């Protein structure tokens, strides 16, 4: 069955189900923005530390070099999970619209 923009169909859900779905969509939007803030914060912290290390120069011990490398891996891990697990098409999900 093809739907055209001006056609309507009979509702298949109750008003309570519609309210529940709307609440879930709002929570999804909040969670997606929270994920974005966390990812940006972690990446910003990694960049600040890397910039400080680059500007300050000097010799680094093996332990501090290892810690810096682990910090960079953490930043890449957070960025990878953020881009891999979030829906960037539309906050709150994408509606199923058939043409």
PDB file of N, CA and C in Angstrom:
ATOM      1  N   UNK A   1       0.845  -1.178   0.000  1.00  0.00           N
ATOM      2  CA  UNK A   1       0.000   0.000   0.000  1.00  0.00           C
ATOM      3  C   UNK A   1       0.885   1.234   0.000  1.00  0.00           C
ATOM      4  N   UNK A   2       0.738   2.059  -1.001  1.00  0.00           N
ATOM      5  CA  UNK A   2       1.528   3.282  -1.098  1.00  0.00           C
ATOM      6  C   UNK A   2       0.752   4.441  -0.501  1.00  0.00           C
ATOM      7  N   UNK A   3       1.450   5.242   0.316  1.00  0.00           N
ATOM      8  CA  UNK A   3       0.833   6.413   0.915  1.00  0.00           C
ATOM      9  C   UNK A   3       1.247   7.657   0.146  1.00  0.00           C
ATOM     10  N   UNK A   4       0.299   8.500  -0.125  1.00  0.00           N
ATOM     11  CA  UNK A   4       0.565   9.773  -0.763  1.00  0.00           C
ATOM     12  C   UNK A   4       0.459  10.834   0.321  1.00  0.00           C
ATOM     13  N   UNK A   5       1.094  11.972   0.130  1.00  0.00           N
ATOM     14  CA  UNK A   5       1.182  12.998   1.162  1.00  0.00           C
ATOM     15  C   UNK A   5      -0.171  13.414   1.713  1.00  0.00           C
ATOM     16  N   UNK A   6      -1.215  13.463   0.916  1.00  0.00           N
ATOM     17  CA  UNK A   6      -2.495  13.948   1.406  1.00  0.00           C
ATOM     18  C   UNK A   6      -3.423  12.826   1.860  1.00  0.00           C
ATOM     19  N   UNK A   7      -3.007  11.575   1.782  1.00  0.00           N
ATOM     20  CA  UNK A   7      -3.822  10.455   2.240  1.00  0.00           C
ATOM     21  C   UNK A   7      -3.553  10.185   3.713  1.00  0.00           C
ATOM     22  N   UNK A   8      -4.549   9.678   4.381  1.00  0.00           N
ATOM     23  CA  UNK A   8      -4.378   9.264   5.779  1.00  0.00           C
ATOM     24  C   UNK A   8      -4.799   7.814   5.911  1.00  0.00           C
ATOM     25  N   UNK A   9      -4.335   7.177   6.957  1.00  0.00           N
ATOM     26  CA  UNK A   9      -4.722   5.806   7.238  1.00  0.00           C
ATOM     27  C   UNK A   9      -5.339   5.756   8.622  1.00  0.00           C
ATOM     28  N   UNK A  10      -6.032   4.707   8.895  1.00  0.00           N
ATOM     29  CA  UNK A  10      -6.618   4.524  10.217  1.00  0.00           C
ATOM     30  C   UNK A  10      -5.504   4.340  11.236  1.00  0.00           C
ATOM     31  N   UNK A  11      -5.651   4.938  12.430  1.00  0.00           N
ATOM     32  CA  UNK A  11      -4.617   4.762  13.453  1.00  0.00           C
ATOM     33  C   UNK A  11      -4.597   3.317  13.941  1.00  0.00           C
ATOM     34  N   UNK A  12      -3.394   2.822  14.179  1.00  0.00           N
ATOM     35  CA  UNK A  12      -3.250   1.446  14.668  1.00  0.00           C
ATOM     36  C   UNK A  12      -2.735   1.417  16.093  1.00  0.00           C
ATOM     37  N   UNK A  13      -2.587   2.563  16.728  1.00  0.00           N
ATOM     38  CA  UNK A  13      -2.120   2.619  18.110  1.00  0.00           C
ATOM     39  C   UNK A  13      -3.113   3.408  18.952  1.00  0.00           C
ATOM     40  N   UNK A  14      -3.046   3.182  20.247  1.00  0.00           N
ATOM     41  CA  UNK A  14      -3.907   3.923  21.163  1.00  0.00           C
ATOM     42  C   UNK A  14      -3.246   5.254  21.508  1.00  0.00           C
ATOM     43  N   UNK A  15      -4.012   6.140  22.106  1.00  0.00           N
ATOM     44  CA  UNK A  15      -3.465   7.438  22.514  1.00  0.00           C
ATOM     45  C   UNK A  15      -2.364   7.245  23.550  1.00  0.00           C
ATOM     46  N   UNK A  16      -2.536   6.268  24.431  1.00  0.00           N
ATOM     47  CA  UNK A  16      -1.512   6.007  25.451  1.00  0.00           C
ATOM     48  C   UNK A  16      -0.215   5.528  24.809  1.00  0.00           C
ATOM     49  N   UNK A  17      -0.289   4.679  23.798  1.00  0.00           N
ATOM     50  CA  UNK A  17       0.907   4.221  23.088  1.00  0.00           C
ATOM     51  C   UNK A  17       1.585   5.381  22.376  1.00  0.00           C
ATOM     52  N   UNK A  18       0.784   6.290  21.811  1.00  0.00           N
ATOM     53  CA  UNK A  18       1.351   7.457  21.146  1.00  0.00           C
ATOM     54  C   UNK A  18       2.090   8.349  22.135  1.00  0.00           C
ATOM     55  N   UNK A  19       1.503   8.566  23.331  1.00  0.00           N
ATOM     56  CA  UNK A  19       2.173   9.370  24.364  1.00  0.00           C
ATOM     57  C   UNK A  19       3.464   8.699  24.819  1.00  0.00           C
ATOM     58  N   UNK A  20       3.431   7.388  24.963  1.00  0.00           N
ATOM     59  CA  UNK A  20       4.634   6.641  25.376  1.00  0.00           C
ATOM     60  C   UNK A  20       5.733   6.781  24.325  1.00  0.00           C
ATOM     61  N   UNK A  21       5.376   6.642  23.057  1.00  0.00           N
ATOM     62  CA  UNK A  21       6.363   6.772  21.983  1.00  0.00           C
ATOM     63  C   UNK A  21       6.936   8.182  21.926  1.00  0.00           C
ATOM     64  N   UNK A  22       6.084   9.181  22.127  1.00  0.00           N
ATOM     65  CA  UNK A  22       6.563  10.570  22.121  1.00  0.00           C
ATOM     66  C   UNK A  22       7.533  10.804  23.268  1.00  0.00           C
ATOM     67  N   UNK A  23       7.246  10.240  24.439  1.00  0.00           N
ATOM     68  CA  UNK A  23       8.158  10.363  25.580  1.00  0.00           C
ATOM     69  C   UNK A  23       9.493   9.700  25.302  1.00  0.00           C
ATOM     70  N   UNK A  24       9.460   8.538  24.658  1.00  0.00           N
ATOM     71  CA  UNK A  24      10.711   7.853  24.317  1.00  0.00           C
ATOM     72  C   UNK A  24      11.518   8.669  23.325  1.00  0.00           C
ATOM     73  N   UNK A  25      10.856   9.285  22.344  1.00  0.00           N
ATOM     74  CA  UNK A  25      11.581  10.107  21.377  1.00  0.00           C
ATOM     75  C   UNK A  25      12.246  11.296  22.060  1.00  0.00           C
ATOM     76  N   UNK A  26      11.552  11.920  23.017  1.00  0.00           N
ATOM     77  CA  UNK A  26      12.155  13.046  23.745  1.00  0.00           C
ATOM     78  C   UNK A  26      13.373  12.583  24.531  1.00  0.00           C
ATOM     79  N   UNK A  27      13.282  11.428  25.182  1.00  0.00           N
ATOM     80  CA  UNK A  27      14.432  10.914  25.932  1.00  0.00           C
ATOM     81  C   UNK A  27      15.586  10.566  24.998  1.00  0.00           C
ATOM     82  N   UNK A  28      15.278  10.048  23.804  1.00  0.00           N
ATOM     83  CA  UNK A  28      16.325   9.750  22.827  1.00  0.00           C
ATOM     84  C   UNK A  28      17.060  11.015  22.407  1.00  0.00           C
ATOM     85  N   UNK A  29      16.315  12.103  22.226  1.00  0.00           N
ATOM     86  CA  UNK A  29      16.942  13.366  21.845  1.00  0.00           C
ATOM     87  C   UNK A  29      17.868  13.842  22.958  1.00  0.00           C
ATOM     88  N   UNK A  30      17.394  13.775  24.210  1.00  0.00           N
ATOM     89  CA  UNK A  30      18.227  14.192  25.351  1.00  0.00           C
ATOM     90  C   UNK A  30      19.484  13.335  25.408  1.00  0.00           C
ATOM     91  N   UNK A  31      19.345  12.025  25.242  1.00  0.00           N
ATOM     92  CA  UNK A  31      20.492  11.132  25.325  1.00  0.00           C
ATOM     93  C   UNK A  31      21.478  11.380  24.185  1.00  0.00           C
ATOM     94  N   UNK A  32      20.975  11.657  22.978  1.00  0.00           N
ATOM     95  CA  UNK A  32      21.875  11.916  21.862  1.00  0.00           C
ATOM     96  C   UNK A  32      22.669  13.205  22.083  1.00  0.00           C
ATOM     97  N   UNK A  33      22.024  14.235  22.621  1.00  0.00           N
ATOM     98  CA  UNK A  33      22.755  15.475  22.918  1.00  0.00           C
ATOM     99  C   UNK A  33      23.745  15.269  24.057  1.00  0.00           C
ATOM    100  N   UNK A  34      23.397  14.420  25.025  1.00  0.00           N
ATOM    101  CA  UNK A  34      24.318  14.112  26.119  1.00  0.00           C
ATOM    102  C   UNK A  34      25.546  13.384  25.585  1.00  0.00           C
ATOM    103  N   UNK A  35      25.321  12.415  24.692  1.00  0.00           N
ATOM    104  CA  UNK A  35      26.446  11.706  24.085  1.00  0.00           C
ATOM    105  C   UNK A  35      27.358  12.669  23.327  1.00  0.00           C
ATOM    106  N   UNK A  36      26.761  13.584  22.605  1.00  0.00           N
ATOM    107  CA  UNK A  36      27.557  14.551  21.849  1.00  0.00           C
ATOM    108  C   UNK A  36      28.389  15.418  22.787  1.00  0.00           C
ATOM    109  N   UNK A  37      27.796  15.867  23.895  1.00  0.00           N
ATOM    110  CA  UNK A  37      28.536  16.704  24.854  1.00  0.00           C
ATOM    111  C   UNK A  37      29.686  15.933  25.486  1.00  0.00           C
ATOM    112  N   UNK A  38      29.453  14.683  25.843  1.00  0.00           N
ATOM    113  CA  UNK A  38      30.517  13.858  26.436  1.00  0.00           C
ATOM    114  C   UNK A  38      31.648  13.661  25.431  1.00  0.00           C
ATOM    115  N   UNK A  39      31.307  13.306  24.195  1.00  0.00           N
ATOM    116  CA  UNK A  39      32.325  13.071  23.169  1.00  0.00           C
ATOM    117  C   UNK A  39      33.133  14.341  22.904  1.00  0.00           C
ATOM    118  N   UNK A  40      32.451  15.465  22.781  1.00  0.00           N
ATOM    119  CA  UNK A  40      33.169  16.721  22.545  1.00  0.00           C
ATOM    120  C   UNK A  40      34.063  17.092  23.721  1.00  0.00           C
ATOM    121  N   UNK A  41      33.591  16.859  24.934  1.00  0.00           N
ATOM    122  CA  UNK A  41      34.404  17.152  26.118  1.00  0.00           C
ATOM    123  C   UNK A  41      35.667  16.310  26.181  1.00  0.00           C
ATOM    124  N   UNK A  42      35.535  15.017  25.924  1.00  0.00           N
ATOM    125  CA  UNK A  42      36.704  14.126  25.959  1.00  0.00           C
ATOM    126  C   UNK A  42      37.689  14.503  24.861  1.00  0.00           C
ATOM    127  N   UNK A  43      37.193  14.736  23.665  1.00  0.00           N
ATOM    128  CA  UNK A  43      38.084  15.085  22.551  1.00  0.00           C
ATOM    129  C   UNK A  43      38.762  16.427  22.805  1.00  0.00           C
ATOM    130  N   UNK A  44      38.029  17.393  23.355  1.00  0.00           N
ATOM    131  CA  UNK A  44      38.626  18.693  23.670  1.00  0.00           C
ATOM    132  C   UNK A  44      39.719  18.545  24.718  1.00  0.00           C
ATOM    133  N   UNK A  45      39.476  17.715  25.741  1.00  0.00           N
ATOM    134  CA  UNK A  45      40.487  17.507  26.777  1.00  0.00           C
ATOM    135  C   UNK A  45      41.745  16.871  26.194  1.00  0.00           C
ATOM    136  N   UNK A  46      41.571  15.906  25.310  1.00  0.00           N
ATOM    137  CA  UNK A  46      42.726  15.262  24.674  1.00  0.00           C
ATOM    138  C   UNK A  46      43.509  16.275  23.849  1.00  0.00           C
ATOM    139  N   UNK A  47      42.818  17.115  23.095  1.00  0.00           N
ATOM    140  CA  UNK A  47      43.504  18.112  22.277  1.00  0.00           C
ATOM    141  C   UNK A  47      44.235  19.143  23.128  1.00  0.00           C
ATOM    142  N   UNK A  48      43.642  19.539  24.248  1.00  0.00           N
ATOM    143  CA  UNK A  48      44.302  20.499  25.136  1.00  0.00           C
ATOM    144  C   UNK A  48      45.581  19.903  25.716  1.00  0.00           C
ATOM    145  N   UNK A  49      45.508  18.662  26.172  1.00  0.00           N
ATOM    146  CA  UNK A  49      46.698  18.010  26.728  1.00  0.00           C
ATOM    147  C   UNK A  49      47.759  17.837  25.656  1.00  0.00           C
ATOM    148  N   UNK A  50      47.368  17.408  24.466  1.00  0.00           N
ATOM    149  CA  UNK A  50      48.337  17.248  23.376  1.00  0.00           C
ATOM    150  C   UNK A  50      48.992  18.585  23.014  1.00  0.00           C
ATOM    151  N   UNK A  51      48.197  19.638  22.974  1.00  0.00           N
ATOM    152  CA  UNK A  51      48.758  20.961  22.664  1.00  0.00           C
ATOM    153  C   UNK A  51      49.731  21.404  23.749  1.00  0.00           C
ATOM    154  N   UNK A  52      49.393  21.178  25.002  1.00  0.00           N
ATOM    155  CA  UNK A  52      50.284  21.542  26.104  1.00  0.00           C
ATOM    156  C   UNK A  52      51.603  20.783  26.009  1.00  0.00           C
ATOM    157  N   UNK A  53      51.523  19.497  25.731  1.00  0.00           N
ATOM    158  CA  UNK A  53      52.737  18.686  25.621  1.00  0.00           C
ATOM    159  C   UNK A  53      53.577  19.158  24.435  1.00  0.00           C
ATOM    160  N   UNK A  54      52.935  19.495  23.334  1.00  0.00           N
ATOM    161  CA  UNK A  54      53.677  19.945  22.153  1.00  0.00           C
ATOM    162  C   UNK A  54      54.357  21.291  22.397  1.00  0.00           C
ATOM    163  N   UNK A  55      53.674  22.195  23.091  1.00  0.00           N
ATOM    164  CA  UNK A  55      54.227  23.531  23.323  1.00  0.00           C
ATOM    165  C   UNK A  55      55.294  23.502  24.413  1.00  0.00           C
ATOM    166  N   UNK A  56      55.081  22.717  25.456  1.00  0.00           N
ATOM    167  CA  UNK A  56      56.028  22.715  26.585  1.00  0.00           C
ATOM    168  C   UNK A  56      57.354  22.056  26.224  1.00  0.00           C
ATOM    169  N   UNK A  57      57.339  21.137  25.295  1.00  0.00           N
ATOM    170  CA  UNK A  57      58.588  20.491  24.861  1.00  0.00           C
ATOM    171  C   UNK A  57      59.262  19.741  25.998  1.00  0.00           C
ATOM    172  N   UNK A  58      60.561  19.555  25.875  1.00  0.00           N
ATOM    173  CA  UNK A  58      61.317  18.873  26.915  1.00  0.00           C
ATOM    174  C   UNK A  58      61.243  17.364  26.777  1.00  0.00           C
ATOM    175  N   UNK A  59      62.046  16.714  27.595  1.00  0.00           N
ATOM    176  CA  UNK A  59      62.089  15.256  27.588  1.00  0.00           C
ATOM    177  C   UNK A  59      60.916  14.682  28.376  1.00  0.00           C
ATOM    178  N   UNK A  60      60.375  13.601  27.899  1.00  0.00           N
ATOM    179  CA  UNK A  60      59.287  12.899  28.572  1.00  0.00           C
ATOM    180  C   UNK A  60      59.787  11.533  28.995  1.00  0.00           C
ATOM    181  N   UNK A  61      59.388  11.134  30.180  1.00  0.00           N
ATOM    182  CA  UNK A  61      59.753   9.792  30.636  1.00  0.00           C
ATOM    183  C   UNK A  61      58.905   8.760  29.895  1.00  0.00           C
ATOM    184  N   UNK A  62      59.299   7.524  30.002  1.00  0.00           N
ATOM    185  CA  UNK A  62      58.537   6.460  29.349  1.00  0.00           C
ATOM    186  C   UNK A  62      57.115   6.387  29.894  1.00  0.00           C
ATOM    187  N   UNK A  63      56.971   6.640  31.175  1.00  0.00           N
ATOM    188  CA  UNK A  63      55.636   6.581  31.790  1.00  0.00           C
ATOM    189  C   UNK A  63      54.752   7.703  31.254  1.00  0.00           C
ATOM    190  N   UNK A  64      55.268   8.899  31.149  1.00  0.00           N
ATOM    191  CA  UNK A  64      54.441  10.002  30.655  1.00  0.00           C
ATOM    192  C   UNK A  64      54.140   9.835  29.167  1.00  0.00           C
ATOM    193  N   UNK A  65      55.056   9.272  28.397  1.00  0.00           N
ATOM    194  CA  UNK A  65      54.783   8.999  26.985  1.00  0.00           C
ATOM    195  C   UNK A  65      53.690   7.945  26.848  1.00  0.00           C
ATOM    196  N   UNK A  66      53.754   6.939  27.704  1.00  0.00           N
ATOM    197  CA  UNK A  66      52.729   5.895  27.684  1.00  0.00           C
ATOM    198  C   UNK A  66      51.364   6.459  28.083  1.00  0.00           C
ATOM    199  N   UNK A  67      51.349   7.330  29.102  1.00  0.00           N
ATOM    200  CA  UNK A  67      50.088   7.929  29.538  1.00  0.00           C
ATOM    201  C   UNK A  67      49.495   8.802  28.435  1.00  0.00           C
ATOM    202  N   UNK A  68      50.340   9.549  27.733  1.00  0.00           N
ATOM    203  CA  UNK A  68      49.859  10.389  26.639  1.00  0.00           C
ATOM    204  C   UNK A  68      49.293   9.534  25.511  1.00  0.00           C
ATOM    205  N   UNK A  69      49.943   8.435  25.193  1.00  0.00           N
ATOM    206  CA  UNK A  69      49.450   7.547  24.154  1.00  0.00           C
ATOM    207  C   UNK A  69      48.112   6.933  24.563  1.00  0.00           C
ATOM    208  N   UNK A  70      47.994   6.542  25.820  1.00  0.00           N
ATOM    209  CA  UNK A  70      46.730   5.970  26.296  1.00  0.00           C
ATOM    210  C   UNK A  70      45.607   7.003  26.271  1.00  0.00           C
ATOM    211  N   UNK A  71      45.932   8.249  26.575  1.00  0.00           N
ATOM    212  CA  UNK A  71      44.945   9.320  26.510  1.00  0.00           C
ATOM    213  C   UNK A  71      44.461   9.510  25.079  1.00  0.00           C
ATOM    214  N   UNK A  72      45.368   9.468  24.122  1.00  0.00           N
ATOM    215  CA  UNK A  72      44.982   9.609  22.713  1.00  0.00           C
ATOM    216  C   UNK A  72      44.130   8.426  22.246  1.00  0.00           C
ATOM    217  N   UNK A  73      44.455   7.234  22.709  1.00  0.00           N
ATOM    218  CA  UNK A  73      43.643   6.062  22.363  1.00  0.00           C
ATOM    219  C   UNK A  73      42.246   6.207  22.961  1.00  0.00           C
ATOM    220  N   UNK A  74      42.156   6.714  24.185  1.00  0.00           N
ATOM    221  CA  UNK A  74      40.854   6.944  24.812  1.00  0.00           C
ATOM    222  C   UNK A  74      40.026   7.932  23.985  1.00  0.00           C
ATOM    223  N   UNK A  75      40.647   9.014  23.537  1.00  0.00           N
ATOM    224  CA  UNK A  75      39.933   9.987  22.707  1.00  0.00           C
ATOM    225  C   UNK A  75      39.439   9.368  21.417  1.00  0.00           C
ATOM    226  N   UNK A  76      40.265   8.567  20.767  1.00  0.00           N
ATOM    227  CA  UNK A  76      39.850   7.906  19.529  1.00  0.00           C
ATOM    228  C   UNK A  76      38.736   6.896  19.786  1.00  0.00           C
ATOM    229  N   UNK A  77      38.794   6.197  20.908  1.00  0.00           N
ATOM    230  CA  UNK A  77      37.768   5.225  21.265  1.00  0.00           C
ATOM    231  C   UNK A  77      36.419   5.921  21.492  1.00  0.00           C
ATOM    232  N   UNK A  78      36.438   7.011  22.230  1.00  0.00           N
ATOM    233  CA  UNK A  78      35.197   7.754  22.486  1.00  0.00           C
ATOM    234  C   UNK A  78      34.624   8.290  21.178  1.00  0.00           C
ATOM    235  N   UNK A  79      35.461   8.870  20.332  1.00  0.00           N
ATOM    236  CA  UNK A  79      34.982   9.401  19.051  1.00  0.00           C
ATOM    237  C   UNK A  79      34.425   8.279  18.175  1.00  0.00           C
ATOM    238  N   UNK A  80      35.103   7.150  18.147  1.00  0.00           N
ATOM    239  CA  UNK A  80      34.637   6.022  17.346  1.00  0.00           C
ATOM    240  C   UNK A  80      33.299   5.495  17.809  1.00  0.00           C
ATOM    241  N   UNK A  81      33.138   5.332  19.116  1.00  0.00           N
ATOM    242  CA  UNK A  81      31.853   4.864  19.632  1.00  0.00           C
ATOM    243  C   UNK A  81      30.759   5.893  19.400  1.00  0.00           C
ATOM    244  N   UNK A  82      31.086   7.173  19.531  1.00  0.00           N
ATOM    245  CA  UNK A  82      30.072   8.207  19.298  1.00  0.00           C
ATOM    246  C   UNK A  82      29.555   8.146  17.874  1.00  0.00           C
ATOM    247  N   UNK A  83      30.464   8.124  16.903  1.00  0.00           N
ATOM    248  CA  UNK A  83      30.029   8.107  15.509  1.00  0.00           C
ATOM    249  C   UNK A  83      29.426   6.770  15.109  1.00  0.00           C
ATOM    250  N   UNK A  84      29.841   5.702  15.773  1.00  0.00           N
ATOM    251  CA  UNK A  84      29.313   4.388  15.429  1.00  0.00           C
ATOM    252  C   UNK A  84      27.955   4.092  16.025  1.00  0.00           C
ATOM    253  N   UNK A  85      27.594   4.727  17.138  1.00  0.00           N
ATOM    254  CA  UNK A  85      26.380   4.349  17.849  1.00  0.00           C
ATOM    255  C   UNK A  85      25.280   5.394  17.835  1.00  0.00           C
ATOM    256  N   UNK A  86      25.524   6.559  17.273  1.00  0.00           N
ATOM    257  CA  UNK A  86      24.478   7.580  17.279  1.00  0.00           C
ATOM    258  C   UNK A  86      23.868   7.736  15.897  1.00  0.00           C
ATOM    259  N   UNK A  87      22.658   8.237  15.875  1.00  0.00           N
ATOM    260  CA  UNK A  87      21.923   8.461  14.642  1.00  0.00           C
ATOM    261  C   UNK A  87      22.101   9.925  14.258  1.00  0.00           C
ATOM    262  N   UNK A  88      22.861  10.181  13.228  1.00  0.00           N
ATOM    263  CA  UNK A  88      23.160  11.556  12.859  1.00  0.00           C
ATOM    264  C   UNK A  88      22.202  12.104  11.800  1.00  0.00           C
ATOM    265  N   UNK A  89      21.241  11.287  11.379  1.00  0.00           N
ATOM    266  CA  UNK A  89      20.320  11.763  10.360  1.00  0.00           C
ATOM    267  C   UNK A  89      19.311  12.745  10.941  1.00  0.00           C
ATOM    268  N   UNK A  90      18.815  12.430  12.133  1.00  0.00           N
ATOM    269  CA  UNK A  90      17.794  13.274  12.747  1.00  0.00           C
ATOM    270  C   UNK A  90      17.719  12.932  14.230  1.00  0.00           C
ATOM    271  N   UNK A  91      17.890  13.913  15.130  1.00  0.00           N
ATOM    272  CA  UNK A  91      17.804  13.610  16.554  1.00  0.00           C
ATOM    273  C   UNK A  91      16.450  13.003  16.900  1.00  0.00           C
ATOM    274  N   UNK A  92      16.473  11.919  17.660  1.00  0.00           N
ATOM    275  CA  UNK A  92      15.234  11.259  18.045  1.00  0.00           C
ATOM    276  C   UNK A  92      14.794  10.182  17.085  1.00  0.00           C
ATOM    277  N   UNK A  93      15.564   9.956  16.034  1.00  0.00           N
ATOM    278  CA  UNK A  93      15.241   8.906  15.088  1.00  0.00           C
ATOM    279  C   UNK A  93      14.624   9.456  13.811  1.00  0.00           C
ATOM    280  N   UNK A  94      14.446   8.566  12.870  1.00  0.00           N
ATOM    281  CA  UNK A  94      13.909   8.932  11.563  1.00  0.00           C
ATOM    282  C   UNK A  94      12.556   8.249  11.414  1.00  0.00           C
ATOM    283  N   UNK A  95      11.558   9.023  11.028  1.00  0.00           N
ATOM    284  CA  UNK A  95      10.220   8.439  10.812  1.00  0.00           C
ATOM    285  C   UNK A  95      10.212   7.631   9.535  1.00  0.00           C
ATOM    286  N   UNK A  96       9.372   6.618   9.514  1.00  0.00           N
ATOM    287  CA  UNK A  96       9.199   5.791   8.329  1.00  0.00           C
ATOM    288  C   UNK A  96       8.156   6.464   7.447  1.00  0.00           C
ATOM    289  N   UNK A  97       8.608   7.185   6.438  1.00  0.00           N
ATOM    290  CA  UNK A  97       7.699   7.880   5.531  1.00  0.00           C
ATOM    291  C   UNK A  97       7.792   7.200   4.185  1.00  0.00           C
ATOM    292  N   UNK A  98       6.664   6.675   3.749  1.00  0.00           N
ATOM    293  CA  UNK A  98       6.641   5.987   2.456  1.00  0.00           C
ATOM    294  C   UNK A  98       6.052   6.888   1.399  1.00  0.00           C
ATOM    295  N   UNK A  99       6.642   6.873   0.250  1.00  0.00           N
ATOM    296  CA  UNK A  99       6.165   7.746  -0.839  1.00  0.00           C
ATOM    297  C   UNK A  99       5.420   6.957  -1.860  1.00  0.00           C
TER     298      UNK A  99
END
